[in-house]
Amino acid sequence: MGDNSNLIGLVLASSSSAFIGSSFVVKKKGLKQAGATGVRAGSGGYGYLKEPLWWIGMVSMIFGEAANFAAYAFAPAILVTPLGALSIVVSAILAHHYLQERLNVFGMVGCALCIAGSVSITLHAPEESEISGVNEMAALAMQPDFLLYAFSAVSLALYLMFKVAPKYGKTHIFVNIGICSLFGSLSVVSCKALGMSIKMTFEGNNQFGYPATYVCILVVACCVVVQINYLNKALDLFNSAIVSPIYYVMFTVLVIVASTIMFKEHQTPTEIAAQFCGFVTIVGGTFILHSTKDMDLTGSLAGFNAKGQGPVANIRGTEELPILAGRETKQDL
């Protein structure tokens, strides 16, 4: 693929991250306004559909997804996918200024680990082979191992939707985001086929005469509807600075898995080791993000200032602080 095509793809992917990152924050403000006057989206309400601010965020996300969709038609996924990490940075900065959702130092470290791990996995993922048309893509999708993945992904997503989400969706961030990511991995494969069809059609090779193109449109539409619904629930229930990186990480990992299964590219031991290390890094970063998101770091980077104020001091109350000499308590200080 030529340098000009890669440049176009990278520009589209970068603009996509800016639109999507800002959409998280704008939609969250719309969801907050809707929840203040009616049933929250996290409780099954749809009052946000009447909020203009939510629709502005929705339009921003549509533009972002359209740019991302176009980017896959011009550049290989190995160049496009890592730039999705920019949406995390955009979302965190805007949430800090407009939603008063502060990301503490451990959250920043977790975010950095998530990005580093995802980029490592993406950069060492096997490159996709050239596809001659939508029918070849459909033939790859009908392979037994990819059908098994698709069936497993849909089955797990449906189980989360109907069995797990009603009980744990409001308290466990991975439930709603997991549903989005599972359907998202299938939507990306369909988007790539559809984007390739549109590009080839403009080049003179009409792909809209094949039924497979319309199947791709149907799959994309169904997956996107589910993704939007459960992403709204996640944004309404949890801090957007946490939702954005976790969604990016889970989405990226599952897209890599789906692409690897479909295209069956050869991988060297070095690539496999790098992907494993990247995945471990992602797990560590996600754990840090999730476990420290409510920690109040009022002191230094270590969580303490000169007066012993910090997360440990806040938890222990008037108990003695072992790091201090003598028997001084928090009140004495």
C-alpha atoms as a PDB file:
ATOM      1  CA  MET A   1       0.000   0.000   0.000  1.00  0.00           C
ATOM      2  CA  GLY A   2       1.370   3.360  -1.010  1.00  0.00           C
ATOM      3  CA  ASP A   3       2.634   6.062   1.326  1.00  0.00           C
ATOM      4  CA  ASN A   4      -0.200   8.417   0.291  1.00  0.00           C
ATOM      5  CA  SER A   5      -2.835   5.851   1.262  1.00  0.00           C
ATOM      6  CA  ASN A   6      -1.131   5.260   4.605  1.00  0.00           C
ATOM      7  CA  LEU A   7      -0.984   9.000   5.262  1.00  0.00           C
ATOM      8  CA  ILE A   8      -4.685   9.383   4.498  1.00  0.00           C
ATOM      9  CA  GLY A   9      -5.463   6.454   6.806  1.00  0.00           C
ATOM     10  CA  LEU A  10      -3.390   7.878   9.659  1.00  0.00           C
ATOM     11  CA  VAL A  11      -5.000  11.331   9.353  1.00  0.00           C
ATOM     12  CA  LEU A  12      -8.458   9.759   9.384  1.00  0.00           C
ATOM     13  CA  ALA A  13      -7.573   7.589  12.399  1.00  0.00           C
ATOM     14  CA  SER A  14      -6.218  10.589  14.340  1.00  0.00           C
ATOM     15  CA  SER A  15      -9.315  12.681  13.667  1.00  0.00           C
ATOM     16  CA  SER A  16     -11.433   9.673  14.609  1.00  0.00           C
ATOM     17  CA  SER A  17      -9.781   9.515  18.038  1.00  0.00           C
ATOM     18  CA  ALA A  18     -10.426  13.223  18.615  1.00  0.00           C
ATOM     19  CA  PHE A  19     -14.118  12.903  17.727  1.00  0.00           C
ATOM     20  CA  ILE A  20     -14.645   9.704  19.731  1.00  0.00           C
ATOM     21  CA  GLY A  21     -12.733  10.927  22.794  1.00  0.00           C
ATOM     22  CA  SER A  22     -14.759  14.139  22.953  1.00  0.00           C
ATOM     23  CA  SER A  23     -18.017  12.240  22.367  1.00  0.00           C
ATOM     24  CA  PHE A  24     -17.527  10.297  25.622  1.00  0.00           C
ATOM     25  CA  VAL A  25     -17.531  13.519  27.627  1.00  0.00           C
ATOM     26  CA  VAL A  26     -20.317  15.300  25.738  1.00  0.00           C
ATOM     27  CA  LYS A  27     -22.584  12.252  25.913  1.00  0.00           C
ATOM     28  CA  LYS A  28     -21.835  11.873  29.622  1.00  0.00           C
ATOM     29  CA  LYS A  29     -22.982  15.451  30.256  1.00  0.00           C
ATOM     30  CA  GLY A  30     -26.156  14.734  28.304  1.00  0.00           C
ATOM     31  CA  LEU A  31     -26.728  11.548  30.293  1.00  0.00           C
ATOM     32  CA  LYS A  32     -26.275  13.452  33.553  1.00  0.00           C
ATOM     33  CA  GLN A  33     -28.819  16.063  32.521  1.00  0.00           C
ATOM     34  CA  ALA A  34     -31.308  13.385  31.461  1.00  0.00           C
ATOM     35  CA  GLY A  35     -30.772  11.429  34.703  1.00  0.00           C
ATOM     36  CA  ALA A  36     -31.479  14.521  36.791  1.00  0.00           C
ATOM     37  CA  THR A  37     -35.032  14.761  35.457  1.00  0.00           C
ATOM     38  CA  GLY A  38     -35.945  11.139  34.742  1.00  0.00           C
ATOM     39  CA  VAL A  39     -34.847   7.498  34.791  1.00  0.00           C
ATOM     40  CA  ARG A  40     -31.115   7.128  34.271  1.00  0.00           C
ATOM     41  CA  ALA A  41     -29.775   5.178  31.298  1.00  0.00           C
ATOM     42  CA  GLY A  42     -28.019   2.825  33.710  1.00  0.00           C
ATOM     43  CA  SER A  43     -31.450   1.891  35.096  1.00  0.00           C
ATOM     44  CA  GLY A  44     -32.964   1.307  31.668  1.00  0.00           C
ATOM     45  CA  GLY A  45     -34.217   4.832  30.944  1.00  0.00           C
ATOM     46  CA  TYR A  46     -34.104   6.476  27.518  1.00  0.00           C
ATOM     47  CA  GLY A  47     -34.712  10.088  28.513  1.00  0.00           C
ATOM     48  CA  TYR A  48     -31.309  10.992  27.082  1.00  0.00           C
ATOM     49  CA  LEU A  49     -32.858  10.744  23.602  1.00  0.00           C
ATOM     50  CA  LYS A  50     -34.540  14.086  24.345  1.00  0.00           C
ATOM     51  CA  GLU A  51     -31.285  15.777  25.360  1.00  0.00           C
ATOM     52  CA  PRO A  52     -29.652  17.905  22.587  1.00  0.00           C
ATOM     53  CA  LEU A  53     -26.256  17.559  24.292  1.00  0.00           C
ATOM     54  CA  TRP A  54     -26.414  13.782  24.065  1.00  0.00           C
ATOM     55  CA  TRP A  55     -27.191  14.041  20.358  1.00  0.00           C
ATOM     56  CA  ILE A  56     -24.207  16.343  19.846  1.00  0.00           C
ATOM     57  CA  GLY A  57     -22.032  13.670  21.443  1.00  0.00           C
ATOM     58  CA  MET A  58     -23.724  11.033  19.322  1.00  0.00           C
ATOM     59  CA  VAL A  59     -23.005  12.983  16.132  1.00  0.00           C
ATOM     60  CA  SER A  60     -19.381  13.383  17.246  1.00  0.00           C
ATOM     61  CA  MET A  61     -19.120   9.628  17.771  1.00  0.00           C
ATOM     62  CA  ILE A  62     -20.686   8.955  14.360  1.00  0.00           C
ATOM     63  CA  PHE A  63     -18.141  11.232  12.693  1.00  0.00           C
ATOM     64  CA  GLY A  64     -15.374   9.482  14.639  1.00  0.00           C
ATOM     65  CA  GLU A  65     -16.570   6.005  13.736  1.00  0.00           C
ATOM     66  CA  ALA A  66     -17.010   7.042  10.088  1.00  0.00           C
ATOM     67  CA  ALA A  67     -13.433   8.374   9.994  1.00  0.00           C
ATOM     68  CA  ASN A  68     -12.173   5.175  11.632  1.00  0.00           C
ATOM     69  CA  PHE A  69     -14.212   3.118   9.184  1.00  0.00           C
ATOM     70  CA  ALA A  70     -12.643   4.988   6.262  1.00  0.00           C
ATOM     71  CA  ALA A  71      -9.149   4.684   7.765  1.00  0.00           C
ATOM     72  CA  TYR A  72      -9.302   0.863   7.600  1.00  0.00           C
ATOM     73  CA  ALA A  73     -10.025   1.101   3.875  1.00  0.00           C
ATOM     74  CA  PHE A  74      -6.837   3.125   3.243  1.00  0.00           C
ATOM     75  CA  ALA A  75      -4.305   1.822   5.762  1.00  0.00           C
ATOM     76  CA  PRO A  76      -3.613  -1.559   7.393  1.00  0.00           C
ATOM     77  CA  ALA A  77      -5.021  -2.182  10.852  1.00  0.00           C
ATOM     78  CA  ILE A  78      -1.521  -2.340  12.319  1.00  0.00           C
ATOM     79  CA  LEU A  79      -1.147   1.390  11.567  1.00  0.00           C
ATOM     80  CA  VAL A  80      -4.701   2.465  12.425  1.00  0.00           C
ATOM     81  CA  THR A  81      -5.521   0.639  15.659  1.00  0.00           C
ATOM     82  CA  PRO A  82      -2.792   2.087  17.955  1.00  0.00           C
ATOM     83  CA  LEU A  83      -4.039   5.615  17.294  1.00  0.00           C
ATOM     84  CA  GLY A  84      -7.260   4.695  19.084  1.00  0.00           C
ATOM     85  CA  ALA A  85      -5.290   5.321  22.276  1.00  0.00           C
ATOM     86  CA  LEU A  86      -5.481   9.050  21.526  1.00  0.00           C
ATOM     87  CA  SER A  87      -9.197   8.945  22.366  1.00  0.00           C
ATOM     88  CA  ILE A  88      -8.255   8.026  25.947  1.00  0.00           C
ATOM     89  CA  VAL A  89      -6.074  11.111  26.267  1.00  0.00           C
ATOM     90  CA  VAL A  90      -8.739  13.374  24.741  1.00  0.00           C
ATOM     91  CA  SER A  91     -11.449  11.904  26.973  1.00  0.00           C
ATOM     92  CA  ALA A  92      -9.361  12.225  30.158  1.00  0.00           C
ATOM     93  CA  ILE A  93      -8.405  15.860  29.461  1.00  0.00           C
ATOM     94  CA  LEU A  94     -11.951  16.953  28.621  1.00  0.00           C
ATOM     95  CA  ALA A  95     -13.438  15.011  31.565  1.00  0.00           C
ATOM     96  CA  HIS A  96     -11.006  16.775  33.906  1.00  0.00           C
ATOM     97  CA  HIS A  97     -12.114  20.202  32.689  1.00  0.00           C
ATOM     98  CA  TYR A  98     -15.838  19.699  32.043  1.00  0.00           C
ATOM     99  CA  LEU A  99     -16.963  16.799  34.244  1.00  0.00           C
ATOM    100  CA  GLN A 100     -14.694  17.349  37.279  1.00  0.00           C
ATOM    101  CA  GLU A 101     -13.644  13.695  37.023  1.00  0.00           C
ATOM    102  CA  ARG A 102     -10.079  13.744  38.276  1.00  0.00           C
ATOM    103  CA  LEU A 103      -7.688  10.958  37.375  1.00  0.00           C
ATOM    104  CA  ASN A 104      -5.247  10.353  40.221  1.00  0.00           C
ATOM    105  CA  VAL A 105      -1.602   9.450  39.744  1.00  0.00           C
ATOM    106  CA  PHE A 106      -2.276   5.705  39.918  1.00  0.00           C
ATOM    107  CA  GLY A 107      -4.996   6.105  37.315  1.00  0.00           C
ATOM    108  CA  MET A 108      -2.495   7.889  35.071  1.00  0.00           C
ATOM    109  CA  VAL A 109      -0.020   5.042  35.495  1.00  0.00           C
ATOM    110  CA  GLY A 110      -2.743   2.496  34.755  1.00  0.00           C
ATOM    111  CA  CYS A 111      -3.804   4.449  31.682  1.00  0.00           C
ATOM    112  CA  ALA A 112      -0.203   4.561  30.429  1.00  0.00           C
ATOM    113  CA  LEU A 113       0.179   0.805  30.967  1.00  0.00           C
ATOM    114  CA  CYS A 114      -3.063   0.119  29.090  1.00  0.00           C
ATOM    115  CA  ILE A 115      -1.919   2.199  26.141  1.00  0.00           C
ATOM    116  CA  ALA A 116       1.577   0.668  26.120  1.00  0.00           C
ATOM    117  CA  GLY A 117       0.216  -2.876  26.291  1.00  0.00           C
ATOM    118  CA  SER A 118      -2.360  -2.294  23.565  1.00  0.00           C
ATOM    119  CA  VAL A 119       0.199  -0.689  21.267  1.00  0.00           C
ATOM    120  CA  SER A 120       2.585  -3.599  21.875  1.00  0.00           C
ATOM    121  CA  ILE A 121      -0.087  -6.131  20.948  1.00  0.00           C
ATOM    122  CA  THR A 122      -1.127  -4.180  17.872  1.00  0.00           C
ATOM    123  CA  LEU A 123       2.410  -3.581  16.581  1.00  0.00           C
ATOM    124  CA  HIS A 124       3.264  -7.253  16.872  1.00  0.00           C
ATOM    125  CA  ALA A 125      -0.003  -8.531  15.430  1.00  0.00           C
ATOM    126  CA  PRO A 126       0.255 -10.332  12.081  1.00  0.00           C
ATOM    127  CA  GLU A 127      -0.295  -8.128   9.039  1.00  0.00           C
ATOM    128  CA  GLU A 128      -3.457  -8.743   7.061  1.00  0.00           C
ATOM    129  CA  SER A 129      -3.167 -10.251   3.594  1.00  0.00           C
ATOM    130  CA  GLU A 130      -4.543  -8.502   0.540  1.00  0.00           C
ATOM    131  CA  ILE A 131      -8.219  -9.267  -0.130  1.00  0.00           C
ATOM    132  CA  SER A 132      -9.477  -9.326  -3.719  1.00  0.00           C
ATOM    133  CA  GLY A 133     -13.154  -8.680  -2.951  1.00  0.00           C
ATOM    134  CA  VAL A 134     -16.039  -8.992  -0.530  1.00  0.00           C
ATOM    135  CA  ASN A 135     -16.695 -12.597  -1.585  1.00  0.00           C
ATOM    136  CA  GLU A 136     -13.197 -13.607  -0.478  1.00  0.00           C
ATOM    137  CA  MET A 137     -13.827 -11.888   2.848  1.00  0.00           C
ATOM    138  CA  ALA A 138     -17.096 -13.816   3.186  1.00  0.00           C
ATOM    139  CA  ALA A 139     -15.252 -17.080   2.473  1.00  0.00           C
ATOM    140  CA  LEU A 140     -12.784 -16.281   5.274  1.00  0.00           C
ATOM    141  CA  ALA A 141     -15.680 -15.549   7.641  1.00  0.00           C
ATOM    142  CA  MET A 142     -17.220 -18.954   6.883  1.00  0.00           C
ATOM    143  CA  GLN A 143     -14.152 -20.859   8.091  1.00  0.00           C
ATOM    144  CA  PRO A 144     -15.008 -23.201  10.990  1.00  0.00           C
ATOM    145  CA  ASP A 145     -12.613 -21.575  13.466  1.00  0.00           C
ATOM    146  CA  PHE A 146     -13.904 -18.049  12.820  1.00  0.00           C
ATOM    147  CA  LEU A 147     -17.495 -19.288  12.973  1.00  0.00           C
ATOM    148  CA  LEU A 148     -16.623 -20.811  16.354  1.00  0.00           C
ATOM    149  CA  TYR A 149     -15.213 -17.457  17.529  1.00  0.00           C
ATOM    150  CA  ALA A 150     -18.254 -15.545  16.257  1.00  0.00           C
ATOM    151  CA  PHE A 151     -20.652 -18.009  17.908  1.00  0.00           C
ATOM    152  CA  SER A 152     -18.692 -17.859  21.177  1.00  0.00           C
ATOM    153  CA  ALA A 153     -18.557 -14.036  21.138  1.00  0.00           C
ATOM    154  CA  VAL A 154     -22.284 -13.660  20.476  1.00  0.00           C
ATOM    155  CA  SER A 155     -23.192 -16.338  23.027  1.00  0.00           C
ATOM    156  CA  LEU A 156     -21.029 -14.759  25.734  1.00  0.00           C
ATOM    157  CA  ALA A 157     -22.388 -11.295  24.942  1.00  0.00           C
ATOM    158  CA  LEU A 158     -25.995 -12.535  25.145  1.00  0.00           C
ATOM    159  CA  TYR A 159     -25.244 -14.287  28.442  1.00  0.00           C
ATOM    160  CA  LEU A 160     -23.806 -11.038  29.833  1.00  0.00           C
ATOM    161  CA  MET A 161     -26.799  -9.065  28.528  1.00  0.00           C
ATOM    162  CA  PHE A 162     -29.565 -11.246  29.936  1.00  0.00           C
ATOM    163  CA  LYS A 163     -28.002 -13.033  32.921  1.00  0.00           C
ATOM    164  CA  VAL A 164     -25.130 -10.957  34.295  1.00  0.00           C
ATOM    165  CA  ALA A 165     -25.988  -7.334  33.449  1.00  0.00           C
ATOM    166  CA  PRO A 166     -29.328  -7.222  35.367  1.00  0.00           C
ATOM    167  CA  LYS A 167     -27.522  -8.249  38.583  1.00  0.00           C
ATOM    168  CA  TYR A 168     -24.016  -6.865  38.273  1.00  0.00           C
ATOM    169  CA  GLY A 169     -24.096  -4.304  35.451  1.00  0.00           C
ATOM    170  CA  LYS A 170     -24.429  -1.358  37.856  1.00  0.00           C
ATOM    171  CA  THR A 171     -21.472  -2.356  40.021  1.00  0.00           C
ATOM    172  CA  HIS A 172     -19.023  -4.096  37.674  1.00  0.00           C
ATOM    173  CA  ILE A 173     -17.653  -1.930  34.874  1.00  0.00           C
ATOM    174  CA  PHE A 174     -16.463  -4.894  32.799  1.00  0.00           C
ATOM    175  CA  VAL A 175     -20.000  -6.212  32.160  1.00  0.00           C
ATOM    176  CA  ASN A 176     -21.365  -3.456  29.911  1.00  0.00           C
ATOM    177  CA  ILE A 177     -17.977  -2.749  28.342  1.00  0.00           C
ATOM    178  CA  GLY A 178     -17.472  -6.457  27.695  1.00  0.00           C
ATOM    179  CA  ILE A 179     -20.727  -6.577  25.744  1.00  0.00           C
ATOM    180  CA  CYS A 180     -19.631  -3.561  23.667  1.00  0.00           C
ATOM    181  CA  SER A 181     -16.225  -5.076  22.975  1.00  0.00           C
ATOM    182  CA  LEU A 182     -17.491  -8.523  21.984  1.00  0.00           C
ATOM    183  CA  PHE A 183     -19.907  -7.098  19.441  1.00  0.00           C
ATOM    184  CA  GLY A 184     -17.292  -4.517  18.473  1.00  0.00           C
ATOM    185  CA  SER A 185     -14.816  -7.199  17.414  1.00  0.00           C
ATOM    186  CA  LEU A 186     -17.387  -8.534  14.942  1.00  0.00           C
ATOM    187  CA  SER A 187     -18.372  -5.073  13.747  1.00  0.00           C
ATOM    188  CA  VAL A 188     -14.746  -4.184  12.891  1.00  0.00           C
ATOM    189  CA  VAL A 189     -14.376  -7.254  10.679  1.00  0.00           C
ATOM    190  CA  SER A 190     -17.621  -6.339   8.905  1.00  0.00           C
ATOM    191  CA  CYS A 191     -16.597  -2.665   8.703  1.00  0.00           C
ATOM    192  CA  LYS A 192     -13.323  -3.604   7.049  1.00  0.00           C
ATOM    193  CA  ALA A 193     -15.161  -5.705   4.467  1.00  0.00           C
ATOM    194  CA  LEU A 194     -17.700  -2.938   3.878  1.00  0.00           C
ATOM    195  CA  GLY A 195     -15.045  -0.223   3.670  1.00  0.00           C
ATOM    196  CA  MET A 196     -13.070  -2.306   1.217  1.00  0.00           C
ATOM    197  CA  SER A 197     -16.239  -2.816  -0.854  1.00  0.00           C
ATOM    198  CA  ILE A 198     -16.932   0.919  -1.009  1.00  0.00           C
ATOM    199  CA  LYS A 199     -13.330   1.727  -1.923  1.00  0.00           C
ATOM    200  CA  MET A 200     -13.241  -0.936  -4.675  1.00  0.00           C
ATOM    201  CA  THR A 201     -16.598   0.275  -5.997  1.00  0.00           C
ATOM    202  CA  PHE A 202     -15.248   3.831  -6.350  1.00  0.00           C
ATOM    203  CA  GLU A 203     -12.238   2.381  -8.153  1.00  0.00           C
ATOM    204  CA  GLY A 204     -14.548   0.803 -10.733  1.00  0.00           C
ATOM    205  CA  ASN A 205     -14.974  -2.712  -9.317  1.00  0.00           C
ATOM    206  CA  ASN A 206     -18.592  -2.715  -8.119  1.00  0.00           C
ATOM    207  CA  GLN A 207     -19.000  -4.849  -4.998  1.00  0.00           C
ATOM    208  CA  PHE A 208     -22.655  -3.973  -4.310  1.00  0.00           C
ATOM    209  CA  GLY A 209     -23.844  -6.640  -6.691  1.00  0.00           C
ATOM    210  CA  TYR A 210     -22.900  -9.331  -4.181  1.00  0.00           C
ATOM    211  CA  PRO A 211     -25.190 -10.386  -1.285  1.00  0.00           C
ATOM    212  CA  ALA A 212     -22.183 -10.515   1.073  1.00  0.00           C
ATOM    213  CA  THR A 213     -21.951  -6.703   1.009  1.00  0.00           C
ATOM    214  CA  TYR A 214     -25.488  -6.343   2.340  1.00  0.00           C
ATOM    215  CA  VAL A 215     -24.850  -8.986   4.990  1.00  0.00           C
ATOM    216  CA  CYS A 216     -21.919  -6.846   6.174  1.00  0.00           C
ATOM    217  CA  ILE A 217     -24.201  -3.789   6.350  1.00  0.00           C
ATOM    218  CA  LEU A 218     -26.729  -5.732   8.448  1.00  0.00           C
ATOM    219  CA  VAL A 219     -24.053  -7.069  10.827  1.00  0.00           C
ATOM    220  CA  VAL A 220     -22.537  -3.605  11.288  1.00  0.00           C
ATOM    221  CA  ALA A 221     -25.951  -2.032  11.973  1.00  0.00           C
ATOM    222  CA  CYS A 222     -26.929  -4.656  14.579  1.00  0.00           C
ATOM    223  CA  CYS A 223     -23.573  -4.548  16.355  1.00  0.00           C
ATOM    224  CA  VAL A 224     -23.464  -0.744  16.455  1.00  0.00           C
ATOM    225  CA  VAL A 225     -26.963  -0.515  17.992  1.00  0.00           C
ATOM    226  CA  VAL A 226     -25.949  -2.891  20.797  1.00  0.00           C
ATOM    227  CA  GLN A 227     -22.624  -1.099  21.316  1.00  0.00           C
ATOM    228  CA  ILE A 228     -24.286   2.318  21.617  1.00  0.00           C
ATOM    229  CA  ASN A 229     -26.879   1.066  24.106  1.00  0.00           C
ATOM    230  CA  TYR A 230     -24.418  -0.608  26.482  1.00  0.00           C
ATOM    231  CA  LEU A 231     -21.768   2.061  26.114  1.00  0.00           C
ATOM    232  CA  ASN A 232     -24.397   4.585  27.268  1.00  0.00           C
ATOM    233  CA  LYS A 233     -25.058   2.426  30.329  1.00  0.00           C
ATOM    234  CA  ALA A 234     -21.342   2.234  31.128  1.00  0.00           C
ATOM    235  CA  LEU A 235     -20.874   6.008  30.734  1.00  0.00           C
ATOM    236  CA  ASP A 236     -23.896   6.733  32.903  1.00  0.00           C
ATOM    237  CA  LEU A 237     -22.749   4.458  35.719  1.00  0.00           C
ATOM    238  CA  PHE A 238     -18.982   4.938  35.786  1.00  0.00           C
ATOM    239  CA  ASN A 239     -16.305   7.617  35.465  1.00  0.00           C
ATOM    240  CA  SER A 240     -15.726   8.368  31.769  1.00  0.00           C
ATOM    241  CA  ALA A 241     -11.958   8.604  32.375  1.00  0.00           C
ATOM    242  CA  ILE A 242     -12.126   4.930  33.408  1.00  0.00           C
ATOM    243  CA  VAL A 243     -14.649   3.750  30.797  1.00  0.00           C
ATOM    244  CA  SER A 244     -12.625   5.082  27.855  1.00  0.00           C
ATOM    245  CA  PRO A 245      -9.320   3.227  28.469  1.00  0.00           C
ATOM    246  CA  ILE A 246     -10.940  -0.035  29.568  1.00  0.00           C
ATOM    247  CA  TYR A 247     -13.210  -0.019  26.530  1.00  0.00           C
ATOM    248  CA  TYR A 248     -10.234   0.722  24.277  1.00  0.00           C
ATOM    249  CA  VAL A 249      -8.173  -2.097  25.789  1.00  0.00           C
ATOM    250  CA  MET A 250     -10.885  -4.774  25.629  1.00  0.00           C
ATOM    251  CA  PHE A 251     -11.956  -3.689  22.157  1.00  0.00           C
ATOM    252  CA  THR A 252      -8.377  -3.722  20.813  1.00  0.00           C
ATOM    253  CA  VAL A 253      -7.555  -7.139  22.270  1.00  0.00           C
ATOM    254  CA  LEU A 254     -10.717  -8.749  20.883  1.00  0.00           C
ATOM    255  CA  VAL A 255     -10.209  -7.156  17.461  1.00  0.00           C
ATOM    256  CA  ILE A 256      -6.681  -8.596  17.351  1.00  0.00           C
ATOM    257  CA  VAL A 257      -8.023 -12.036  18.321  1.00  0.00           C
ATOM    258  CA  ALA A 258     -10.795 -11.932  15.705  1.00  0.00           C
ATOM    259  CA  SER A 259      -8.414 -10.719  12.974  1.00  0.00           C
ATOM    260  CA  THR A 260      -5.802 -13.356  13.827  1.00  0.00           C
ATOM    261  CA  ILE A 261      -8.380 -16.138  13.677  1.00  0.00           C
ATOM    262  CA  MET A 262      -9.836 -14.909  10.398  1.00  0.00           C
ATOM    263  CA  PHE A 263      -6.651 -14.195   8.453  1.00  0.00           C
ATOM    264  CA  LYS A 264      -4.383 -16.886   9.993  1.00  0.00           C
ATOM    265  CA  GLU A 265      -1.170 -14.985   9.449  1.00  0.00           C
ATOM    266  CA  HIS A 266       2.084 -16.670  10.435  1.00  0.00           C
ATOM    267  CA  GLN A 267       3.559 -15.467  13.731  1.00  0.00           C
ATOM    268  CA  THR A 268       7.134 -15.824  14.944  1.00  0.00           C
ATOM    269  CA  PRO A 269       7.937 -16.777  18.563  1.00  0.00           C
ATOM    270  CA  THR A 270       9.093 -13.179  19.113  1.00  0.00           C
ATOM    271  CA  GLU A 271       5.724 -11.810  17.989  1.00  0.00           C
ATOM    272  CA  ILE A 272       3.852 -14.271  20.194  1.00  0.00           C
ATOM    273  CA  ALA A 273       6.022 -13.359  23.216  1.00  0.00           C
ATOM    274  CA  ALA A 274       5.546  -9.640  22.572  1.00  0.00           C
ATOM    275  CA  GLN A 275       1.773 -10.065  22.349  1.00  0.00           C
ATOM    276  CA  PHE A 276       1.723 -12.045  25.594  1.00  0.00           C
ATOM    277  CA  CYS A 277       3.778  -9.371  27.385  1.00  0.00           C
ATOM    278  CA  GLY A 278       1.469  -6.709  25.990  1.00  0.00           C
ATOM    279  CA  PHE A 279      -1.567  -8.560  27.276  1.00  0.00           C
ATOM    280  CA  VAL A 280      -0.047  -8.916  30.762  1.00  0.00           C
ATOM    281  CA  THR A 281       0.700  -5.184  30.727  1.00  0.00           C
ATOM    282  CA  ILE A 282      -2.913  -4.481  29.792  1.00  0.00           C
ATOM    283  CA  VAL A 283      -4.220  -6.661  32.634  1.00  0.00           C
ATOM    284  CA  GLY A 284      -1.958  -4.842  35.103  1.00  0.00           C
ATOM    285  CA  GLY A 285      -2.981  -1.411  33.834  1.00  0.00           C
ATOM    286  CA  THR A 286      -6.676  -2.291  33.875  1.00  0.00           C
ATOM    287  CA  PHE A 287      -6.399  -3.600  37.439  1.00  0.00           C
ATOM    288  CA  ILE A 288      -4.703  -0.394  38.601  1.00  0.00           C
ATOM    289  CA  LEU A 289      -7.318   1.763  36.878  1.00  0.00           C
ATOM    290  CA  HIS A 290     -10.217  -0.185  38.337  1.00  0.00           C
ATOM    291  CA  SER A 291      -8.897  -0.652  41.861  1.00  0.00           C
ATOM    292  CA  THR A 292      -7.711   2.932  42.436  1.00  0.00           C
ATOM    293  CA  LYS A 293     -10.402   4.935  40.630  1.00  0.00           C
ATOM    294  CA  ASP A 294     -12.058   6.051  43.909  1.00  0.00           C
ATOM    295  CA  MET A 295      -8.845   6.623  45.859  1.00  0.00           C
ATOM    296  CA  ASP A 296      -8.518  10.170  47.202  1.00  0.00           C
ATOM    297  CA  LEU A 297      -4.913  11.268  46.747  1.00  0.00           C
ATOM    298  CA  THR A 298      -4.851  14.592  48.559  1.00  0.00           C
ATOM    299  CA  GLY A 299      -1.135  14.565  49.283  1.00  0.00           C
ATOM    300  CA  SER A 300       2.003  13.989  47.270  1.00  0.00           C
ATOM    301  CA  LEU A 301       2.538  11.429  44.514  1.00  0.00           C
ATOM    302  CA  ALA A 302       2.931   8.774  47.193  1.00  0.00           C
ATOM    303  CA  GLY A 303      -0.415   9.762  48.703  1.00  0.00           C
ATOM    304  CA  PHE A 304       1.018  11.648  51.732  1.00  0.00           C
ATOM    305  CA  ASN A 305       2.061  15.174  52.501  1.00  0.00           C
ATOM    306  CA  ALA A 306       4.043  16.599  55.396  1.00  0.00           C
ATOM    307  CA  LYS A 307       1.035  16.379  57.728  1.00  0.00           C
ATOM    308  CA  GLY A 308       0.332  12.734  57.093  1.00  0.00           C
ATOM    309  CA  GLN A 309      -2.743  13.463  55.003  1.00  0.00           C
ATOM    310  CA  GLY A 310      -3.520  10.998  52.255  1.00  0.00           C
ATOM    311  CA  PRO A 311      -5.502   7.863  51.470  1.00  0.00           C
ATOM    312  CA  VAL A 312      -4.108   5.842  54.372  1.00  0.00           C
ATOM    313  CA  ALA A 313      -4.567   8.688  56.823  1.00  0.00           C
ATOM    314  CA  ASN A 314      -8.122   9.233  55.587  1.00  0.00           C
ATOM    315  CA  ILE A 315      -8.947   5.564  56.087  1.00  0.00           C
ATOM    316  CA  ARG A 316      -7.305   5.181  59.515  1.00  0.00           C
ATOM    317  CA  GLY A 317      -8.874   8.265  61.048  1.00  0.00           C
ATOM    318  CA  THR A 318      -7.502   9.009  64.526  1.00  0.00           C
ATOM    319  CA  GLU A 319      -5.325   5.908  64.737  1.00  0.00           C
ATOM    320  CA  GLU A 320      -1.600   6.271  65.162  1.00  0.00           C
ATOM    321  CA  LEU A 321       0.452   6.670  62.004  1.00  0.00           C
ATOM    322  CA  PRO A 322       3.334   4.158  62.114  1.00  0.00           C
ATOM    323  CA  ILE A 323       5.489   6.250  59.798  1.00  0.00           C
ATOM    324  CA  LEU A 324       5.689   9.013  62.443  1.00  0.00           C
ATOM    325  CA  ALA A 325       7.999   9.058  65.401  1.00  0.00           C
ATOM    326  CA  GLY A 326       6.471   8.944  68.891  1.00  0.00           C
ATOM    327  CA  ARG A 327       2.749   8.537  69.469  1.00  0.00           C
ATOM    328  CA  GLU A 328       1.368  11.508  67.550  1.00  0.00           C
ATOM    329  CA  THR A 329      -2.025  11.070  65.910  1.00  0.00           C
ATOM    330  CA  LYS A 330      -3.562  12.768  62.911  1.00  0.00           C
ATOM    331  CA  GLN A 331      -5.334  15.288  65.150  1.00  0.00           C
ATOM    332  CA  ASP A 332      -2.089  16.121  67.015  1.00  0.00           C
ATOM    333  CA  LEU A 333      -0.506  17.035  63.736  1.00  0.00           C
END
